[in-house]
Amino acid sequence: MSVGKRDSGKDVQCQMEQKKDKREKKCTAIVLAAGSGSRMGTAIQKQYLELEGKPVLYYCLHVFQESRYIDEIVLVTGEREIDYCREKIVQQYGFDKVVQIVAGGKERYESVYHGLKYVEDGIVFIHDGARPFVDEEMVERAYECVLRDQACVVGMPVKDTIKIADQNQYAVQTPDRAYVWQVQTPQVFDAKLVRAAYEKLIQSGWEKATDDAMVVERMTEHPVKLVFGSYENIKITTPEDLEIAGLFIRRRRA
C-alpha cells in the first residue's frame, strides 16, 4: 500500500510539472498597494495593517510567489512606501518574484498604467493588494480562461437583490439577479490588449474607470469573460472586513 501511495504522489507531481511546462505565455502579476484606505479610519493604510500576525499585503504576494502560473510580480505602492515594502515585506518574506516596486498614481487606473509599463508581452494578472484570499485555484481558472478569451475577471454571482437608484436615492430599476455579478480581482488579460486599452484611456482623459474590465470594455469593445472566484475573496476596506478576514484565516488554520 505504501508503495502505491508513493507512486500516486509521483504521478500527481509529474502531472503538475507537465502542466507547468505546457504554459503558453509568460504571466506577470501587478499587485496594487497604493490606496489610501480612507474608509478604514486608521493612520496606516489598509494593505499594511496586521492580519493574524502579517501585513494584509503579505497574503496575496505569498499566493503569487508560490503559484506555478506566475513568473514575476510588479508591486505598485505609494512613493513613500517603496522602501518599506522592499525591506519589510519583499525582503523579509523572501518574495523574490517581485522584480519591480513602482510608485502608483492618485487613482487606481493610474497605478495600473504605471505597473503596465514594466510588463512584457504575455498575460497580466491585475490584483488588489487588499484582497488577501486569492488562491491557486482562482489563478488557474483565470489563466485557462484568458487563453481562450484574452480578457477575464474573477467574480461571483450576487446573493442579494440589487437596486439601481437615481440621484435622489429612489429605486428606479431592479436587474435580474441571475445576471448580476460582484466583480473581484485578479482581472486577467492578454498584455497587449490591456496595455492598448490603458494607453487609449490615458489619451482620452476619461477618469471614471473603476476596474480594468471597464477600461477594456470601453476602450477596445473587447468582451470580458466572467470566471468564478470565491465569496471569501473579499477586499479589506472597513474595520469589519478586517475582523471577517481574521475569522477566515483562523478557520483555515484550524
Protein backbone atom coordinates (compact mmCIF):
# COMPACT_ATOMS: atom_id res chain seq x y z
CA MET A 1 0.00 0.00 0.00
CA SER A 2 2.75 2.46 0.87
CA VAL A 3 4.45 1.90 -2.48
CA GLY A 4 1.19 2.64 -4.28
CA LYS A 5 0.80 5.88 -2.37
CA ARG A 6 4.31 6.99 -3.28
CA ASP A 7 3.70 6.15 -6.93
CA SER A 8 0.42 8.08 -6.85
CA GLY A 9 2.20 11.09 -5.37
CA LYS A 10 4.84 10.94 -8.07
CA ASP A 11 2.13 10.80 -10.73
CA VAL A 12 0.45 13.90 -9.34
CA GLN A 13 3.77 15.76 -9.13
CA CYS A 14 4.61 14.71 -12.68
CA GLN A 15 1.25 15.94 -13.94
CA MET A 16 1.76 19.30 -12.21
CA GLU A 17 5.24 19.68 -13.71
CA GLN A 18 3.93 18.78 -17.17
CA LYS A 19 1.11 21.30 -16.79
CA LYS A 20 3.61 23.98 -15.83
CA ASP A 21 5.82 23.11 -18.78
CA LYS A 22 2.83 23.49 -21.12
CA ARG A 23 2.10 27.06 -20.07
CA GLU A 24 1.83 29.01 -23.27
CA LYS A 25 2.68 32.54 -22.14
CA LYS A 26 4.66 34.38 -19.50
CA CYS A 27 2.48 35.57 -16.62
CA THR A 28 3.06 38.75 -14.63
CA ALA A 29 1.04 39.79 -11.58
CA ILE A 30 0.55 43.50 -10.95
CA VAL A 31 -0.32 43.92 -7.27
CA LEU A 32 -1.87 47.26 -6.38
CA ALA A 33 -0.96 48.60 -2.93
CA ALA A 34 -1.07 52.36 -3.41
CA GLY A 35 -4.54 53.04 -1.99
CA SER A 36 -5.00 55.43 0.91
CA GLY A 37 -7.66 53.33 2.64
CA SER A 38 -9.63 56.31 3.96
CA ARG A 39 -12.68 54.17 4.80
CA MET A 40 -10.63 52.07 7.20
CA GLY A 41 -10.26 55.06 9.52
CA THR A 42 -6.68 54.26 10.51
CA ALA A 43 -3.39 56.13 10.13
CA ILE A 44 -1.88 53.03 8.49
CA GLN A 45 -3.05 52.12 5.00
CA LYS A 46 -5.25 49.03 4.93
CA GLN A 47 -2.82 46.91 2.91
CA TYR A 48 -0.18 47.27 5.65
CA LEU A 49 -2.44 46.60 8.62
CA GLU A 50 -1.64 43.47 10.58
CA LEU A 51 -3.86 40.49 9.83
CA GLU A 52 -3.18 37.50 12.09
CA GLY A 53 0.47 38.48 12.54
CA LYS A 54 1.30 39.55 8.98
CA PRO A 55 0.51 42.57 6.79
CA VAL A 56 -2.63 42.24 4.68
CA LEU A 57 -0.45 42.65 1.57
CA TYR A 58 1.61 39.59 2.54
CA TYR A 59 -1.15 37.11 1.79
CA CYS A 60 -1.73 37.74 -1.92
CA LEU A 61 2.00 38.14 -2.54
CA HIS A 62 2.55 34.76 -0.91
CA VAL A 63 0.00 33.13 -3.23
CA PHE A 64 1.59 34.64 -6.35
CA GLN A 65 5.08 33.78 -5.07
CA GLU A 66 4.10 30.12 -4.69
CA SER A 67 1.93 29.93 -7.83
CA ARG A 68 3.14 27.71 -10.66
CA TYR A 69 1.49 30.12 -13.10
CA ILE A 70 3.01 33.45 -12.03
CA ASP A 71 6.53 34.16 -13.29
CA GLU A 72 7.05 37.63 -11.81
CA ILE A 73 5.36 40.31 -9.75
CA VAL A 74 5.24 44.08 -10.17
CA LEU A 75 4.27 45.74 -6.89
CA VAL A 76 2.68 49.19 -7.18
CA THR A 77 2.68 51.23 -3.99
CA GLY A 78 2.83 54.80 -2.75
CA GLU A 79 6.10 56.58 -3.44
CA ARG A 80 6.79 56.98 0.28
CA GLU A 81 6.16 53.29 0.93
CA ILE A 82 8.58 51.86 -1.65
CA ASP A 83 11.45 51.38 0.80
CA TYR A 84 9.12 49.97 3.45
CA CYS A 85 7.67 47.43 1.02
CA ARG A 86 11.10 46.41 -0.19
CA GLU A 87 12.59 45.92 3.29
CA LYS A 88 9.67 44.88 5.49
CA ILE A 89 7.63 42.81 3.05
CA VAL A 90 9.51 41.73 -0.08
CA GLN A 91 12.90 41.06 1.52
CA GLN A 92 11.61 39.98 4.92
CA TYR A 93 9.33 37.30 3.47
CA GLY A 94 11.55 36.28 0.57
CA PHE A 95 9.27 37.32 -2.27
CA ASP A 96 11.91 37.03 -4.97
CA LYS A 97 9.34 37.04 -7.78
CA VAL A 98 8.88 40.77 -7.13
CA VAL A 99 11.00 42.27 -9.90
CA GLN A 100 9.81 45.88 -9.61
CA ILE A 101 8.37 48.12 -6.90
CA VAL A 102 6.96 51.25 -8.52
CA ALA A 103 5.06 54.33 -7.40
CA GLY A 104 1.37 54.43 -8.23
CA GLY A 105 -0.91 57.34 -9.02
CA LYS A 106 -3.77 59.17 -7.34
CA GLU A 107 -6.40 56.89 -8.88
CA ARG A 108 -6.45 53.14 -9.32
CA TYR A 109 -6.32 53.31 -13.11
CA GLU A 110 -3.19 55.47 -12.91
CA SER A 111 -1.50 52.90 -10.69
CA VAL A 112 -2.36 50.10 -13.12
CA TYR A 113 -0.99 52.17 -16.01
CA HIS A 114 2.29 52.71 -14.16
CA GLY A 115 2.55 48.99 -13.45
CA LEU A 116 1.87 48.02 -17.06
CA LYS A 117 4.97 49.92 -18.15
CA TYR A 118 7.05 47.12 -16.59
CA VAL A 119 5.11 44.23 -18.12
CA GLU A 120 6.35 42.46 -21.20
CA ASP A 121 4.09 40.61 -23.62
CA GLY A 122 2.21 37.63 -22.27
CA ILE A 123 -0.54 37.54 -19.66
CA VAL A 124 -1.05 40.05 -16.87
CA PHE A 125 -2.93 39.40 -13.63
CA ILE A 126 -4.05 42.68 -12.01
CA HIS A 127 -4.87 42.22 -8.33
CA ASP A 128 -5.81 44.42 -5.38
CA GLY A 129 -3.27 44.06 -2.59
CA ALA A 130 -6.12 44.44 -0.10
CA ARG A 131 -7.65 41.12 -1.25
CA PRO A 132 -5.77 38.53 0.81
CA PHE A 133 -7.81 35.46 -0.19
CA VAL A 134 -6.90 34.92 -3.83
CA ASP A 135 -5.80 31.30 -4.21
CA GLU A 136 -4.13 28.99 -6.71
CA GLU A 137 -7.45 27.60 -7.95
CA MET A 138 -8.61 31.10 -8.93
CA VAL A 139 -5.31 31.76 -10.65
CA GLU A 140 -5.64 28.53 -12.60
CA ARG A 141 -9.24 29.20 -13.66
CA ALA A 142 -8.36 32.71 -14.78
CA TYR A 143 -5.29 31.51 -16.67
CA GLU A 144 -7.23 28.89 -18.60
CA CYS A 145 -9.98 31.41 -19.34
CA VAL A 146 -7.66 34.13 -20.62
CA LEU A 147 -6.02 31.73 -23.05
CA ARG A 148 -9.41 31.33 -24.72
CA ASP A 149 -10.93 34.80 -24.30
CA GLN A 150 -7.96 37.21 -23.85
CA ALA A 151 -9.87 39.06 -21.12
CA CYS A 152 -11.48 37.71 -17.96
CA VAL A 153 -12.28 38.84 -14.44
CA VAL A 154 -12.82 36.87 -11.27
CA GLY A 155 -16.15 37.37 -9.56
CA MET A 156 -19.21 35.74 -8.05
CA PRO A 157 -22.97 35.92 -8.68
CA VAL A 158 -24.60 38.27 -6.18
CA LYS A 159 -26.66 36.82 -3.34
CA ASP A 160 -28.77 39.91 -2.68
CA THR A 161 -31.34 41.71 -4.78
CA ILE A 162 -29.74 44.76 -6.40
CA LYS A 163 -31.47 48.10 -6.93
CA ILE A 164 -30.46 50.81 -9.40
CA ALA A 165 -31.09 54.22 -7.81
CA ASP A 166 -31.46 57.72 -9.18
CA GLN A 167 -29.62 60.79 -7.87
CA ASN A 168 -32.20 61.13 -5.07
CA GLN A 169 -31.79 57.54 -3.86
CA TYR A 170 -35.11 56.34 -5.28
CA ALA A 171 -35.10 52.85 -6.75
CA VAL A 172 -35.66 53.04 -10.48
CA GLN A 173 -34.70 49.54 -11.63
CA THR A 174 -34.26 46.02 -10.28
CA PRO A 175 -31.97 43.96 -12.52
CA ASP A 176 -32.47 40.22 -12.74
CA ARG A 177 -30.21 38.79 -10.04
CA ALA A 178 -29.37 35.81 -12.26
CA TYR A 179 -27.29 38.13 -14.46
CA VAL A 180 -25.64 40.29 -11.79
CA TRP A 181 -22.11 39.51 -10.58
CA GLN A 182 -19.92 41.01 -7.91
CA VAL A 183 -16.59 41.65 -9.58
CA GLN A 184 -13.35 40.80 -7.77
CA THR A 185 -9.70 40.53 -8.67
CA PRO A 186 -7.48 39.25 -10.18
CA GLN A 187 -8.56 40.64 -13.53
CA VAL A 188 -6.56 38.91 -16.22
CA PHE A 189 -5.74 39.97 -19.77
CA ASP A 190 -3.53 39.49 -22.73
CA ALA A 191 -0.85 42.08 -22.01
CA LYS A 192 -1.03 43.75 -25.44
CA LEU A 193 -4.81 44.11 -25.18
CA VAL A 194 -4.88 45.69 -21.73
CA ARG A 195 -1.88 47.90 -22.44
CA ALA A 196 -3.53 49.28 -25.57
CA ALA A 197 -6.74 49.89 -23.61
CA TYR A 198 -4.95 51.83 -20.87
CA GLU A 199 -2.94 53.89 -23.33
CA LYS A 200 -6.17 54.89 -25.04
CA LEU A 201 -7.73 55.65 -21.64
CA ILE A 202 -4.89 57.98 -20.66
CA GLN A 203 -5.02 59.75 -24.00
CA SER A 204 -8.80 60.18 -23.74
CA GLY A 205 -8.69 61.84 -20.32
CA TRP A 206 -11.68 59.79 -19.14
CA GLU A 207 -11.47 59.45 -15.35
CA LYS A 208 -14.41 57.26 -14.35
CA ALA A 209 -12.84 53.84 -14.76
CA THR A 210 -13.29 51.79 -11.59
CA ASP A 211 -11.76 48.50 -12.73
CA ASP A 212 -9.66 47.04 -15.51
CA ALA A 213 -12.54 45.24 -17.21
CA MET A 214 -14.31 48.58 -17.58
CA VAL A 215 -11.25 50.03 -19.30
CA VAL A 216 -11.03 47.14 -21.76
CA GLU A 217 -14.77 47.21 -22.41
CA ARG A 218 -14.91 50.97 -23.06
CA MET A 219 -11.61 51.45 -24.85
CA THR A 220 -11.46 48.34 -27.04
CA GLU A 221 -15.02 46.91 -27.06
CA HIS A 222 -13.43 43.52 -26.45
CA PRO A 223 -15.76 41.24 -24.44
CA VAL A 224 -14.70 40.29 -20.93
CA LYS A 225 -15.46 36.81 -19.62
CA LEU A 226 -16.52 36.26 -16.00
CA VAL A 227 -14.90 33.38 -14.13
CA PHE A 228 -15.71 32.11 -10.64
CA GLY A 229 -13.70 33.48 -7.76
CA SER A 230 -14.87 32.92 -4.18
CA TYR A 231 -17.26 34.54 -1.74
CA GLU A 232 -14.29 34.66 0.66
CA ASN A 233 -12.26 36.71 -1.82
CA ILE A 234 -13.18 39.92 -0.01
CA LYS A 235 -11.47 43.29 -0.21
CA ILE A 236 -10.31 44.76 3.10
CA THR A 237 -11.98 48.17 3.14
CA THR A 238 -13.53 48.69 6.58
CA PRO A 239 -12.69 47.54 10.13
CA GLU A 240 -15.45 44.93 9.83
CA ASP A 241 -13.71 43.43 6.80
CA LEU A 242 -10.52 43.03 8.81
CA GLU A 243 -12.40 41.15 11.53
CA ILE A 244 -14.04 38.84 8.97
CA ALA A 245 -10.68 38.20 7.29
CA GLY A 246 -9.21 37.21 10.64
CA LEU A 247 -12.01 34.68 11.10
CA PHE A 248 -11.34 33.20 7.65
CA ILE A 249 -7.63 32.74 8.41
CA ARG A 250 -8.19 31.23 11.84
CA ARG A 251 -10.75 28.82 10.37
CA ARG A 252 -8.29 27.73 7.68
CA ARG A 253 -5.58 27.15 10.26
CA ALA A 254 -7.95 25.11 12.41
